[in-house]
Amino acid sequence: MPRTAACKPAGPGRPKDLAKRAAILDAAKRLFVQQGFDRVSMDQVAAEAGVSKLTVYSHFGDKDRLFAEAVRAHCEQGMPTRLFEPDPQVPLRDRLLEIAQAFFAMVMNPEAIAGHRILCSPQVATSHMPAMFWEAGPQCVQDAFAALLRRRIAAGELDIDDPDRAASHFFALLKGEPHARAVLGCPTDAPAQTHLASVVELFLRAYGRR
C-alpha cells in the first residue's frame, strides 16, 4: 500500500450516505478490536451497522480497505488535522504539548491497547495487517507532524536535519514506558502530564534553535 494512498479515505467513489459510512466505520472499529481482523466478516459489519452488505462493499470495496479506513478514521478522530495546521500565532511549545496530549490519549485508550495486542499476536504479526495498520494510521500521523516540523524549521524555530526521523523520535518518546506497561496490563500511577511535558522539553532541547 503506497504511503500517499494510505493517508487518503479509502473506498471507491464518493459516499452516497455519510451517516451510513460513519455507522459502518464505527461498527468495524468495534468488531475488529473485539474479535480481530480474521474473525470479522463483512456480513457482521453490515449487521452491526444496520445496513446491507452491498452498502458496505459500495463504500469500502473490500475488508482490507475497510480496516485501513477504520484505522485512519480512529487516528483522525483522536488527532484532528487542525493540530497540524500552520499557525504562527501558537507558540511552538504549546503546539507540541497539544499534539502530545492528543496522541497520548489516543494510544492509551483501552480500545487502542486492545487493538495493539491483537496486532502483536502470533496469528496477526506474520500477516499483512501490521503493515496495513502502520501505513493507514501511525505513518499518516508522523507524516503530518513532520510537515509541521518543516514549517517550523523554515520559520527558524527548529534546527532539524531529518524531520521524518525527528517525528519518529517524538512519538516513540511519548509512548515510552507508560504505553509499554499498559500493553502488559501494568498501569502506572505516574502523572501523564508530567511525562508529556518532559518529552516536549527533551524534544526542544534536542532540536530547538538556540
N, C-alpha and C. Protein backbone atom coordinates (compact mmCIF):
# COMPACT_ATOMS: atom_id res chain seq x y z
N MET A 1 0.86 -1.20 0.00
CA MET A 1 0.00 0.00 0.00
C MET A 1 0.88 1.23 0.00
N PRO A 2 0.84 2.06 -1.03
CA PRO A 2 1.66 3.27 -1.07
C PRO A 2 1.32 4.20 0.07
N ARG A 3 2.33 4.87 0.61
CA ARG A 3 2.10 5.74 1.75
C ARG A 3 1.10 6.83 1.43
N THR A 4 1.19 7.45 0.26
CA THR A 4 0.29 8.54 -0.07
C THR A 4 -1.15 8.07 -0.16
N ALA A 5 -1.37 6.86 -0.66
CA ALA A 5 -2.73 6.34 -0.76
C ALA A 5 -3.28 5.99 0.60
N ALA A 6 -2.43 5.53 1.52
CA ALA A 6 -2.90 5.10 2.82
C ALA A 6 -3.48 6.24 3.63
N CYS A 7 -3.02 7.44 3.39
CA CYS A 7 -3.46 8.57 4.18
C CYS A 7 -4.72 9.22 3.64
N LYS A 8 -5.25 8.68 2.55
CA LYS A 8 -6.47 9.22 1.98
C LYS A 8 -7.63 8.29 2.26
N PRO A 9 -8.86 8.83 2.31
CA PRO A 9 -10.02 7.98 2.51
C PRO A 9 -10.07 6.87 1.48
N ALA A 10 -10.37 5.65 1.96
CA ALA A 10 -10.39 4.50 1.07
C ALA A 10 -11.80 4.27 0.56
N GLY A 11 -11.90 3.43 -0.48
CA GLY A 11 -13.20 3.06 -0.99
C GLY A 11 -13.50 3.73 -2.31
N PRO A 12 -14.24 3.06 -3.15
CA PRO A 12 -14.49 3.60 -4.49
C PRO A 12 -15.53 4.70 -4.50
N GLY A 13 -15.24 5.74 -5.25
CA GLY A 13 -16.23 6.79 -5.47
C GLY A 13 -16.55 7.61 -4.25
N ARG A 14 -17.49 8.51 -4.43
CA ARG A 14 -17.91 9.38 -3.34
C ARG A 14 -19.05 8.71 -2.57
N PRO A 15 -18.98 8.67 -1.23
CA PRO A 15 -20.03 8.01 -0.46
C PRO A 15 -21.39 8.64 -0.73
N LYS A 16 -22.42 7.79 -0.87
CA LYS A 16 -23.76 8.30 -1.13
C LYS A 16 -24.43 8.76 0.16
N ASP A 17 -24.04 8.18 1.28
CA ASP A 17 -24.69 8.48 2.55
C ASP A 17 -23.62 8.53 3.64
N LEU A 18 -23.28 9.73 4.10
CA LEU A 18 -22.22 9.88 5.10
C LEU A 18 -22.61 9.27 6.44
N ALA A 19 -23.91 9.27 6.77
CA ALA A 19 -24.35 8.68 8.03
C ALA A 19 -24.12 7.16 8.01
N LYS A 20 -24.42 6.53 6.88
CA LYS A 20 -24.19 5.08 6.77
C LYS A 20 -22.70 4.78 6.81
N ARG A 21 -21.92 5.61 6.14
CA ARG A 21 -20.47 5.42 6.15
C ARG A 21 -19.92 5.48 7.58
N ALA A 22 -20.38 6.47 8.34
CA ALA A 22 -19.93 6.61 9.73
C ALA A 22 -20.36 5.42 10.56
N ALA A 23 -21.58 4.93 10.34
CA ALA A 23 -22.08 3.77 11.09
C ALA A 23 -21.26 2.53 10.78
N ILE A 24 -20.89 2.38 9.52
CA ILE A 24 -20.07 1.22 9.12
C ILE A 24 -18.69 1.29 9.78
N LEU A 25 -18.09 2.48 9.77
CA LEU A 25 -16.77 2.63 10.38
C LEU A 25 -16.82 2.36 11.88
N ASP A 26 -17.84 2.87 12.56
CA ASP A 26 -17.97 2.63 14.00
C ASP A 26 -18.12 1.14 14.28
N ALA A 27 -18.95 0.47 13.49
CA ALA A 27 -19.15 -0.97 13.67
C ALA A 27 -17.86 -1.73 13.41
N ALA A 28 -17.15 -1.35 12.35
CA ALA A 28 -15.90 -2.04 12.01
C ALA A 28 -14.87 -1.87 13.11
N LYS A 29 -14.73 -0.66 13.65
CA LYS A 29 -13.76 -0.43 14.72
C LYS A 29 -14.06 -1.30 15.93
N ARG A 30 -15.32 -1.38 16.31
CA ARG A 30 -15.70 -2.20 17.47
C ARG A 30 -15.39 -3.68 17.22
N LEU A 31 -15.81 -4.17 16.07
CA LEU A 31 -15.66 -5.60 15.78
C LEU A 31 -14.20 -6.00 15.60
N PHE A 32 -13.41 -5.18 14.92
CA PHE A 32 -12.00 -5.52 14.72
C PHE A 32 -11.27 -5.58 16.06
N VAL A 33 -11.60 -4.67 16.98
CA VAL A 33 -10.95 -4.68 18.29
C VAL A 33 -11.40 -5.87 19.11
N GLN A 34 -12.68 -6.18 19.06
CA GLN A 34 -13.23 -7.26 19.87
C GLN A 34 -12.83 -8.65 19.38
N GLN A 35 -12.79 -8.83 18.04
CA GLN A 35 -12.62 -10.17 17.50
C GLN A 35 -11.36 -10.36 16.67
N GLY A 36 -10.71 -9.29 16.28
CA GLY A 36 -9.58 -9.41 15.38
C GLY A 36 -10.01 -9.40 13.94
N PHE A 37 -9.08 -9.14 13.05
CA PHE A 37 -9.41 -8.95 11.64
C PHE A 37 -9.98 -10.22 11.01
N ASP A 38 -9.33 -11.36 11.21
CA ASP A 38 -9.72 -12.58 10.52
C ASP A 38 -11.10 -13.07 10.91
N ARG A 39 -11.51 -12.83 12.14
CA ARG A 39 -12.78 -13.36 12.62
C ARG A 39 -13.98 -12.49 12.25
N VAL A 40 -13.72 -11.31 11.73
CA VAL A 40 -14.80 -10.38 11.38
C VAL A 40 -15.13 -10.53 9.89
N SER A 41 -16.40 -10.69 9.59
CA SER A 41 -16.85 -10.77 8.21
C SER A 41 -17.57 -9.48 7.82
N MET A 42 -17.68 -9.25 6.55
CA MET A 42 -18.42 -8.09 6.07
C MET A 42 -19.90 -8.20 6.43
N ASP A 43 -20.41 -9.43 6.52
CA ASP A 43 -21.79 -9.63 6.96
C ASP A 43 -21.98 -9.12 8.39
N GLN A 44 -21.00 -9.43 9.25
CA GLN A 44 -21.09 -8.98 10.65
C GLN A 44 -21.05 -7.46 10.73
N VAL A 45 -20.17 -6.86 9.96
CA VAL A 45 -20.07 -5.40 9.97
C VAL A 45 -21.39 -4.78 9.50
N ALA A 46 -21.96 -5.34 8.46
CA ALA A 46 -23.22 -4.83 7.94
C ALA A 46 -24.32 -4.94 8.99
N ALA A 47 -24.41 -6.10 9.65
CA ALA A 47 -25.44 -6.30 10.67
C ALA A 47 -25.25 -5.34 11.84
N GLU A 48 -24.00 -5.17 12.26
CA GLU A 48 -23.70 -4.28 13.38
C GLU A 48 -24.03 -2.83 13.04
N ALA A 49 -23.81 -2.46 11.79
CA ALA A 49 -24.05 -1.07 11.36
C ALA A 49 -25.50 -0.84 10.96
N GLY A 50 -26.27 -1.92 10.80
CA GLY A 50 -27.66 -1.77 10.40
C GLY A 50 -27.83 -1.41 8.94
N VAL A 51 -26.91 -1.93 8.10
CA VAL A 51 -27.00 -1.68 6.66
C VAL A 51 -26.84 -3.01 5.93
N SER A 52 -27.00 -2.99 4.63
CA SER A 52 -26.81 -4.20 3.84
C SER A 52 -25.34 -4.42 3.56
N LYS A 53 -24.99 -5.69 3.26
CA LYS A 53 -23.60 -5.98 2.92
C LYS A 53 -23.21 -5.26 1.63
N LEU A 54 -24.14 -5.11 0.72
CA LEU A 54 -23.86 -4.39 -0.51
C LEU A 54 -23.47 -2.94 -0.23
N THR A 55 -24.11 -2.34 0.78
CA THR A 55 -23.78 -0.96 1.15
C THR A 55 -22.35 -0.88 1.67
N VAL A 56 -21.95 -1.86 2.48
CA VAL A 56 -20.58 -1.88 3.00
C VAL A 56 -19.58 -1.97 1.85
N TYR A 57 -19.83 -2.85 0.90
CA TYR A 57 -18.92 -3.01 -0.23
C TYR A 57 -18.91 -1.77 -1.12
N SER A 58 -20.07 -1.13 -1.28
CA SER A 58 -20.12 0.05 -2.15
C SER A 58 -19.35 1.22 -1.57
N HIS A 59 -19.23 1.27 -0.24
CA HIS A 59 -18.48 2.35 0.40
C HIS A 59 -16.99 2.06 0.50
N PHE A 60 -16.62 0.79 0.70
CA PHE A 60 -15.23 0.50 1.04
C PHE A 60 -14.55 -0.55 0.14
N GLY A 61 -15.28 -1.21 -0.70
CA GLY A 61 -14.65 -2.10 -1.66
C GLY A 61 -14.37 -3.49 -1.15
N ASP A 62 -13.55 -3.62 -0.09
CA ASP A 62 -13.26 -4.92 0.50
C ASP A 62 -12.87 -4.73 1.96
N LYS A 63 -12.62 -5.86 2.63
CA LYS A 63 -12.36 -5.79 4.07
C LYS A 63 -11.02 -5.14 4.39
N ASP A 64 -10.03 -5.33 3.53
CA ASP A 64 -8.74 -4.68 3.76
C ASP A 64 -8.89 -3.16 3.75
N ARG A 65 -9.62 -2.65 2.77
CA ARG A 65 -9.81 -1.20 2.69
C ARG A 65 -10.65 -0.69 3.86
N LEU A 66 -11.62 -1.50 4.27
CA LEU A 66 -12.44 -1.10 5.42
C LEU A 66 -11.57 -1.01 6.68
N PHE A 67 -10.69 -1.98 6.87
CA PHE A 67 -9.80 -1.95 8.02
C PHE A 67 -8.89 -0.72 7.99
N ALA A 68 -8.29 -0.46 6.83
CA ALA A 68 -7.39 0.69 6.70
C ALA A 68 -8.13 1.99 6.98
N GLU A 69 -9.36 2.10 6.47
CA GLU A 69 -10.13 3.32 6.67
C GLU A 69 -10.57 3.47 8.12
N ALA A 70 -10.87 2.34 8.78
CA ALA A 70 -11.24 2.40 10.20
C ALA A 70 -10.06 2.89 11.03
N VAL A 71 -8.87 2.44 10.70
CA VAL A 71 -7.67 2.91 11.41
C VAL A 71 -7.46 4.40 11.16
N ARG A 72 -7.58 4.80 9.90
CA ARG A 72 -7.39 6.21 9.56
C ARG A 72 -8.41 7.10 10.27
N ALA A 73 -9.66 6.64 10.31
CA ALA A 73 -10.71 7.41 10.97
C ALA A 73 -10.45 7.52 12.47
N HIS A 74 -9.94 6.43 13.07
CA HIS A 74 -9.63 6.46 14.50
C HIS A 74 -8.54 7.48 14.79
N CYS A 75 -7.50 7.50 13.96
CA CYS A 75 -6.41 8.46 14.16
C CYS A 75 -6.88 9.89 13.93
N GLU A 76 -7.71 10.08 12.92
CA GLU A 76 -8.20 11.43 12.63
C GLU A 76 -9.12 11.94 13.73
N GLN A 77 -9.87 11.01 14.34
CA GLN A 77 -10.74 11.41 15.45
C GLN A 77 -9.90 11.81 16.66
N GLY A 78 -8.85 11.04 16.95
CA GLY A 78 -8.01 11.35 18.10
C GLY A 78 -7.06 12.50 17.86
N MET A 79 -6.62 12.65 16.61
CA MET A 79 -5.67 13.71 16.27
C MET A 79 -6.16 14.43 15.03
N PRO A 80 -7.14 15.32 15.18
CA PRO A 80 -7.71 16.02 14.02
C PRO A 80 -6.65 16.85 13.29
N THR A 81 -6.92 17.10 12.02
CA THR A 81 -5.95 17.81 11.17
C THR A 81 -5.64 19.21 11.69
N ARG A 82 -6.55 19.82 12.47
CA ARG A 82 -6.30 21.17 12.97
C ARG A 82 -5.04 21.22 13.83
N LEU A 83 -4.67 20.09 14.44
CA LEU A 83 -3.47 20.07 15.27
C LEU A 83 -2.21 20.34 14.46
N PHE A 84 -2.24 20.06 13.17
CA PHE A 84 -1.05 20.18 12.34
C PHE A 84 -1.12 21.36 11.37
N GLU A 85 -2.17 22.14 11.47
CA GLU A 85 -2.31 23.29 10.58
C GLU A 85 -1.31 24.38 10.97
N PRO A 86 -0.74 25.06 9.98
CA PRO A 86 0.22 26.13 10.29
C PRO A 86 -0.48 27.30 10.98
N ASP A 87 0.04 27.67 12.12
CA ASP A 87 -0.50 28.81 12.87
C ASP A 87 0.64 29.44 13.66
N PRO A 88 1.33 30.39 13.07
CA PRO A 88 2.48 31.03 13.74
C PRO A 88 2.10 31.68 15.06
N GLN A 89 0.80 31.96 15.25
CA GLN A 89 0.37 32.61 16.49
C GLN A 89 0.49 31.68 17.70
N VAL A 90 0.47 30.36 17.45
CA VAL A 90 0.56 29.40 18.55
C VAL A 90 2.03 29.12 18.83
N PRO A 91 2.51 29.38 20.05
CA PRO A 91 3.91 29.11 20.38
C PRO A 91 4.24 27.64 20.15
N LEU A 92 5.47 27.39 19.72
CA LEU A 92 5.89 26.03 19.39
C LEU A 92 5.70 25.08 20.56
N ARG A 93 6.10 25.48 21.75
CA ARG A 93 5.98 24.59 22.91
C ARG A 93 4.51 24.22 23.16
N ASP A 94 3.62 25.19 23.04
CA ASP A 94 2.20 24.92 23.25
C ASP A 94 1.66 23.95 22.20
N ARG A 95 2.07 24.14 20.94
CA ARG A 95 1.59 23.26 19.89
C ARG A 95 2.09 21.83 20.09
N LEU A 96 3.36 21.69 20.46
CA LEU A 96 3.92 20.36 20.71
C LEU A 96 3.20 19.67 21.86
N LEU A 97 2.90 20.42 22.91
CA LEU A 97 2.21 19.83 24.06
C LEU A 97 0.79 19.43 23.69
N GLU A 98 0.13 20.23 22.87
CA GLU A 98 -1.23 19.90 22.44
C GLU A 98 -1.23 18.61 21.62
N ILE A 99 -0.28 18.48 20.72
CA ILE A 99 -0.16 17.25 19.92
C ILE A 99 0.18 16.07 20.81
N ALA A 100 1.07 16.28 21.77
CA ALA A 100 1.46 15.21 22.68
C ALA A 100 0.26 14.71 23.49
N GLN A 101 -0.55 15.62 23.98
CA GLN A 101 -1.72 15.23 24.78
C GLN A 101 -2.72 14.43 23.95
N ALA A 102 -2.96 14.88 22.72
CA ALA A 102 -3.91 14.18 21.86
C ALA A 102 -3.40 12.79 21.49
N PHE A 103 -2.12 12.69 21.15
CA PHE A 103 -1.55 11.40 20.77
C PHE A 103 -1.56 10.42 21.95
N PHE A 104 -1.17 10.90 23.12
CA PHE A 104 -1.10 10.02 24.28
C PHE A 104 -2.49 9.51 24.65
N ALA A 105 -3.48 10.40 24.62
CA ALA A 105 -4.85 9.99 24.93
C ALA A 105 -5.33 8.94 23.93
N MET A 106 -4.95 9.09 22.67
CA MET A 106 -5.38 8.15 21.63
C MET A 106 -4.76 6.77 21.82
N VAL A 107 -3.45 6.71 22.03
CA VAL A 107 -2.79 5.40 22.11
C VAL A 107 -3.04 4.71 23.44
N MET A 108 -3.41 5.47 24.47
CA MET A 108 -3.66 4.87 25.78
C MET A 108 -5.13 4.50 25.98
N ASN A 109 -5.96 4.80 25.00
CA ASN A 109 -7.36 4.40 25.06
C ASN A 109 -7.43 2.87 25.16
N PRO A 110 -8.32 2.33 26.03
CA PRO A 110 -8.40 0.87 26.19
C PRO A 110 -8.62 0.13 24.88
N GLU A 111 -9.43 0.70 23.97
CA GLU A 111 -9.65 0.05 22.67
C GLU A 111 -8.35 0.02 21.86
N ALA A 112 -7.57 1.09 21.92
CA ALA A 112 -6.31 1.13 21.19
C ALA A 112 -5.33 0.12 21.76
N ILE A 113 -5.29 -0.01 23.07
CA ILE A 113 -4.42 -1.01 23.71
C ILE A 113 -4.83 -2.41 23.28
N ALA A 114 -6.13 -2.68 23.26
CA ALA A 114 -6.61 -4.00 22.84
C ALA A 114 -6.24 -4.27 21.38
N GLY A 115 -6.39 -3.26 20.53
CA GLY A 115 -6.02 -3.43 19.13
C GLY A 115 -4.53 -3.68 18.96
N HIS A 116 -3.71 -3.00 19.77
CA HIS A 116 -2.26 -3.20 19.72
C HIS A 116 -1.91 -4.64 20.07
N ARG A 117 -2.57 -5.18 21.08
CA ARG A 117 -2.30 -6.56 21.48
C ARG A 117 -2.66 -7.54 20.37
N ILE A 118 -3.78 -7.27 19.69
CA ILE A 118 -4.19 -8.14 18.58
C ILE A 118 -3.14 -8.11 17.46
N LEU A 119 -2.65 -6.92 17.14
CA LEU A 119 -1.67 -6.80 16.07
C LEU A 119 -0.36 -7.50 16.41
N CYS A 120 -0.06 -7.61 17.70
CA CYS A 120 1.17 -8.26 18.14
C CYS A 120 1.01 -9.76 18.36
N SER A 121 -0.20 -10.28 18.22
CA SER A 121 -0.44 -11.71 18.42
C SER A 121 0.24 -12.51 17.31
N PRO A 122 0.67 -13.75 17.59
CA PRO A 122 1.39 -14.53 16.58
C PRO A 122 0.61 -14.72 15.29
N GLN A 123 -0.72 -14.87 15.39
CA GLN A 123 -1.52 -15.10 14.18
C GLN A 123 -1.53 -13.89 13.27
N VAL A 124 -1.51 -12.69 13.85
CA VAL A 124 -1.62 -11.47 13.06
C VAL A 124 -0.26 -10.89 12.70
N ALA A 125 0.72 -11.05 13.59
CA ALA A 125 2.03 -10.41 13.39
C ALA A 125 2.71 -10.84 12.11
N THR A 126 2.43 -12.05 11.64
CA THR A 126 3.07 -12.55 10.42
C THR A 126 2.22 -12.31 9.17
N SER A 127 1.10 -11.63 9.34
CA SER A 127 0.23 -11.34 8.20
C SER A 127 0.53 -9.96 7.64
N HIS A 128 -0.29 -9.52 6.68
CA HIS A 128 -0.10 -8.20 6.08
C HIS A 128 -0.75 -7.10 6.92
N MET A 129 -1.47 -7.46 8.00
CA MET A 129 -2.23 -6.50 8.75
C MET A 129 -1.38 -5.45 9.48
N PRO A 130 -0.28 -5.82 10.17
CA PRO A 130 0.52 -4.79 10.83
C PRO A 130 1.02 -3.71 9.87
N ALA A 131 1.47 -4.12 8.69
CA ALA A 131 1.96 -3.14 7.71
C ALA A 131 0.82 -2.24 7.24
N MET A 132 -0.36 -2.83 7.02
CA MET A 132 -1.50 -2.04 6.59
C MET A 132 -1.91 -1.05 7.69
N PHE A 133 -1.90 -1.52 8.94
CA PHE A 133 -2.22 -0.66 10.07
C PHE A 133 -1.23 0.50 10.15
N TRP A 134 0.04 0.21 10.01
CA TRP A 134 1.06 1.25 10.13
C TRP A 134 0.89 2.32 9.06
N GLU A 135 0.68 1.89 7.83
CA GLU A 135 0.54 2.85 6.73
C GLU A 135 -0.71 3.71 6.89
N ALA A 136 -1.81 3.10 7.36
CA ALA A 136 -3.07 3.82 7.44
C ALA A 136 -3.17 4.73 8.66
N GLY A 137 -2.41 4.40 9.72
CA GLY A 137 -2.53 5.17 10.96
C GLY A 137 -1.26 5.89 11.37
N PRO A 138 -0.36 5.21 12.08
CA PRO A 138 0.84 5.88 12.61
C PRO A 138 1.66 6.61 11.55
N GLN A 139 1.80 6.03 10.36
CA GLN A 139 2.61 6.70 9.34
C GLN A 139 1.99 8.02 8.91
N CYS A 140 0.66 8.05 8.80
CA CYS A 140 -0.01 9.30 8.42
C CYS A 140 0.18 10.37 9.48
N VAL A 141 0.08 9.96 10.75
CA VAL A 141 0.28 10.91 11.85
C VAL A 141 1.70 11.47 11.83
N GLN A 142 2.68 10.58 11.65
CA GLN A 142 4.07 11.03 11.61
C GLN A 142 4.34 11.94 10.42
N ASP A 143 3.74 11.63 9.28
CA ASP A 143 3.94 12.47 8.10
C ASP A 143 3.38 13.87 8.33
N ALA A 144 2.19 13.94 8.95
CA ALA A 144 1.58 15.24 9.23
C ALA A 144 2.44 16.04 10.20
N PHE A 145 2.98 15.36 11.20
CA PHE A 145 3.82 16.05 12.19
C PHE A 145 5.13 16.50 11.56
N ALA A 146 5.72 15.66 10.70
CA ALA A 146 6.96 16.03 10.03
C ALA A 146 6.75 17.27 9.15
N ALA A 147 5.57 17.37 8.52
CA ALA A 147 5.26 18.56 7.72
C ALA A 147 5.19 19.80 8.59
N LEU A 148 4.61 19.65 9.78
CA LEU A 148 4.57 20.78 10.73
C LEU A 148 5.98 21.18 11.14
N LEU A 149 6.83 20.18 11.39
CA LEU A 149 8.22 20.47 11.77
C LEU A 149 8.94 21.24 10.67
N ARG A 150 8.70 20.86 9.43
CA ARG A 150 9.36 21.56 8.32
C ARG A 150 8.94 23.02 8.26
N ARG A 151 7.69 23.29 8.56
CA ARG A 151 7.24 24.69 8.56
C ARG A 151 7.90 25.47 9.69
N ARG A 152 8.06 24.82 10.84
CA ARG A 152 8.70 25.49 11.97
C ARG A 152 10.21 25.64 11.74
N ILE A 153 10.80 24.72 11.00
CA ILE A 153 12.22 24.85 10.62
C ILE A 153 12.38 26.07 9.71
N ALA A 154 11.49 26.19 8.74
CA ALA A 154 11.55 27.32 7.81
C ALA A 154 11.35 28.65 8.52
N ALA A 155 10.59 28.61 9.63
CA ALA A 155 10.36 29.83 10.40
C ALA A 155 11.51 30.14 11.35
N GLY A 156 12.52 29.25 11.39
CA GLY A 156 13.69 29.49 12.23
C GLY A 156 13.52 29.07 13.67
N GLU A 157 12.51 28.26 13.98
CA GLU A 157 12.26 27.86 15.36
C GLU A 157 12.93 26.54 15.72
N LEU A 158 13.23 25.72 14.72
CA LEU A 158 13.81 24.41 14.97
C LEU A 158 15.04 24.22 14.10
N ASP A 159 15.95 23.37 14.56
CA ASP A 159 17.15 23.02 13.81
C ASP A 159 17.19 21.51 13.67
N ILE A 160 16.64 21.00 12.57
CA ILE A 160 16.47 19.56 12.38
C ILE A 160 16.96 19.19 10.98
N ASP A 161 17.87 18.22 10.91
CA ASP A 161 18.36 17.76 9.62
C ASP A 161 17.38 16.78 8.96
N ASP A 162 16.71 15.97 9.77
CA ASP A 162 15.83 14.93 9.25
C ASP A 162 14.49 15.00 9.98
N PRO A 163 13.54 15.78 9.48
CA PRO A 163 12.25 15.94 10.16
C PRO A 163 11.48 14.63 10.32
N ASP A 164 11.59 13.72 9.35
CA ASP A 164 10.88 12.45 9.46
C ASP A 164 11.40 11.63 10.64
N ARG A 165 12.71 11.61 10.80
CA ARG A 165 13.30 10.89 11.93
C ARG A 165 12.93 11.57 13.25
N ALA A 166 12.95 12.89 13.26
CA ALA A 166 12.58 13.63 14.47
C ALA A 166 11.14 13.36 14.86
N ALA A 167 10.26 13.27 13.87
CA ALA A 167 8.86 12.95 14.16
C ALA A 167 8.74 11.56 14.78
N SER A 168 9.51 10.62 14.25
CA SER A 168 9.52 9.26 14.82
C SER A 168 10.00 9.29 16.26
N HIS A 169 11.06 10.05 16.54
CA HIS A 169 11.57 10.18 17.90
C HIS A 169 10.49 10.71 18.85
N PHE A 170 9.78 11.72 18.40
CA PHE A 170 8.79 12.38 19.26
C PHE A 170 7.71 11.40 19.70
N PHE A 171 7.14 10.66 18.76
CA PHE A 171 6.04 9.77 19.12
C PHE A 171 6.52 8.54 19.88
N ALA A 172 7.73 8.08 19.59
CA ALA A 172 8.28 6.96 20.35
C ALA A 172 8.49 7.35 21.81
N LEU A 173 8.99 8.56 22.03
CA LEU A 173 9.19 9.04 23.40
C LEU A 173 7.86 9.22 24.12
N LEU A 174 6.85 9.68 23.41
CA LEU A 174 5.55 9.90 24.04
C LEU A 174 4.95 8.58 24.53
N LYS A 175 5.08 7.53 23.73
CA LYS A 175 4.54 6.24 24.16
C LYS A 175 5.36 5.71 25.34
N GLY A 176 6.63 5.61 25.16
CA GLY A 176 7.56 5.27 26.23
C GLY A 176 7.11 4.17 27.17
N GLU A 177 7.51 4.29 28.43
CA GLU A 177 7.19 3.29 29.45
C GLU A 177 5.69 3.19 29.74
N PRO A 178 4.95 4.32 29.81
CA PRO A 178 3.51 4.20 30.13
C PRO A 178 2.76 3.29 29.17
N HIS A 179 3.02 3.41 27.88
CA HIS A 179 2.31 2.58 26.90
C HIS A 179 2.75 1.13 27.01
N ALA A 180 4.05 0.90 27.18
CA ALA A 180 4.54 -0.47 27.32
C ALA A 180 3.91 -1.16 28.53
N ARG A 181 3.79 -0.44 29.63
CA ARG A 181 3.17 -1.01 30.83
C ARG A 181 1.68 -1.28 30.61
N ALA A 182 1.02 -0.37 29.90
CA ALA A 182 -0.41 -0.55 29.64
C ALA A 182 -0.66 -1.79 28.78
N VAL A 183 0.19 -2.01 27.78
CA VAL A 183 0.04 -3.18 26.92
C VAL A 183 0.22 -4.46 27.72
N LEU A 184 1.10 -4.43 28.70
CA LEU A 184 1.35 -5.60 29.55
C LEU A 184 0.34 -5.73 30.68
N GLY A 185 -0.56 -4.76 30.80
CA GLY A 185 -1.55 -4.80 31.87
C GLY A 185 -1.00 -4.34 33.20
N CYS A 186 0.05 -3.51 33.15
CA CYS A 186 0.67 -2.99 34.38
C CYS A 186 0.60 -1.46 34.37
N PRO A 187 -0.58 -0.88 34.59
CA PRO A 187 -0.69 0.58 34.54
C PRO A 187 0.17 1.25 35.60
N THR A 188 0.58 2.45 35.31
CA THR A 188 1.40 3.21 36.24
C THR A 188 0.61 4.38 36.80
N ASP A 189 0.97 4.80 38.00
CA ASP A 189 0.31 5.93 38.64
C ASP A 189 1.01 7.25 38.33
N ALA A 190 2.08 7.19 37.53
CA ALA A 190 2.82 8.42 37.21
C ALA A 190 1.92 9.37 36.44
N PRO A 191 1.92 10.66 36.82
CA PRO A 191 1.06 11.64 36.13
C PRO A 191 1.40 11.75 34.65
N ALA A 192 0.38 11.62 33.81
CA ALA A 192 0.60 11.68 32.37
C ALA A 192 1.13 13.05 31.95
N GLN A 193 0.60 14.11 32.58
CA GLN A 193 1.00 15.45 32.17
C GLN A 193 2.49 15.69 32.41
N THR A 194 3.02 15.15 33.51
CA THR A 194 4.44 15.28 33.79
C THR A 194 5.27 14.57 32.73
N HIS A 195 4.84 13.38 32.35
CA HIS A 195 5.53 12.62 31.31
C HIS A 195 5.54 13.38 29.98
N LEU A 196 4.38 13.90 29.58
CA LEU A 196 4.27 14.59 28.30
C LEU A 196 5.10 15.87 28.28
N ALA A 197 5.05 16.62 29.36
CA ALA A 197 5.82 17.86 29.44
C ALA A 197 7.32 17.58 29.35
N SER A 198 7.77 16.48 29.97
CA SER A 198 9.20 16.16 29.94
C SER A 198 9.63 15.75 28.53
N VAL A 199 8.75 15.07 27.79
CA VAL A 199 9.08 14.69 26.41
C VAL A 199 9.19 15.94 25.53
N VAL A 200 8.25 16.86 25.67
CA VAL A 200 8.30 18.09 24.89
C VAL A 200 9.57 18.87 25.21
N GLU A 201 9.91 18.94 26.48
CA GLU A 201 11.12 19.66 26.88
C GLU A 201 12.36 18.99 26.29
N LEU A 202 12.42 17.67 26.33
CA LEU A 202 13.56 16.95 25.77
C LEU A 202 13.66 17.18 24.26
N PHE A 203 12.52 17.16 23.58
CA PHE A 203 12.49 17.36 22.14
C PHE A 203 13.01 18.76 21.79
N LEU A 204 12.59 19.76 22.54
CA LEU A 204 13.04 21.13 22.29
C LEU A 204 14.52 21.31 22.59
N ARG A 205 15.01 20.60 23.59
CA ARG A 205 16.44 20.70 23.89
C ARG A 205 17.26 20.08 22.76
N ALA A 206 16.72 19.01 22.17
CA ALA A 206 17.45 18.34 21.09
C ALA A 206 17.38 19.11 19.78
N TYR A 207 16.22 19.71 19.48
CA TYR A 207 16.00 20.27 18.17
C TYR A 207 15.67 21.77 18.14
N GLY A 208 15.52 22.37 19.30
CA GLY A 208 15.20 23.80 19.32
C GLY A 208 16.34 24.64 18.84
N ARG A 209 16.01 25.71 18.12
CA ARG A 209 17.02 26.64 17.63
C ARG A 209 17.58 27.45 18.81
N ARG A 210 18.89 27.41 18.98
CA ARG A 210 19.50 28.12 20.09
C ARG A 210 19.90 29.52 19.65
